[in-house]
Amino acid sequence: MDSTLGLLDSTLGFLEGALGLVDSTLGLLDSTLGLVDNTMGLVDNTLGLVDNTLGLLDSTLGLADSTPG
């Protein structure tokens, strides 16, 4: 009976370790996806800055073009 309980205890310990590994892996995946999301946000903000800079340049050139003389 003791050996059966020991085997059950070992099996449950193994399952607990396996579930811990799955949990850690999912946490790593979540962190990685968060990093990707933040990187995409940075790219989006950078492209917005480029767009605004080009718009400012366009407006400046338009103003220079419309100035007489």
Foldseek 3Di string as FASTA:
>chain_A
DVVVVVVVVVVVVVVVVVVVVVVVVVVVVVVVVVVVVVVVVVVVVVVVVVVVVVVVVVVVVVVVVPDDD
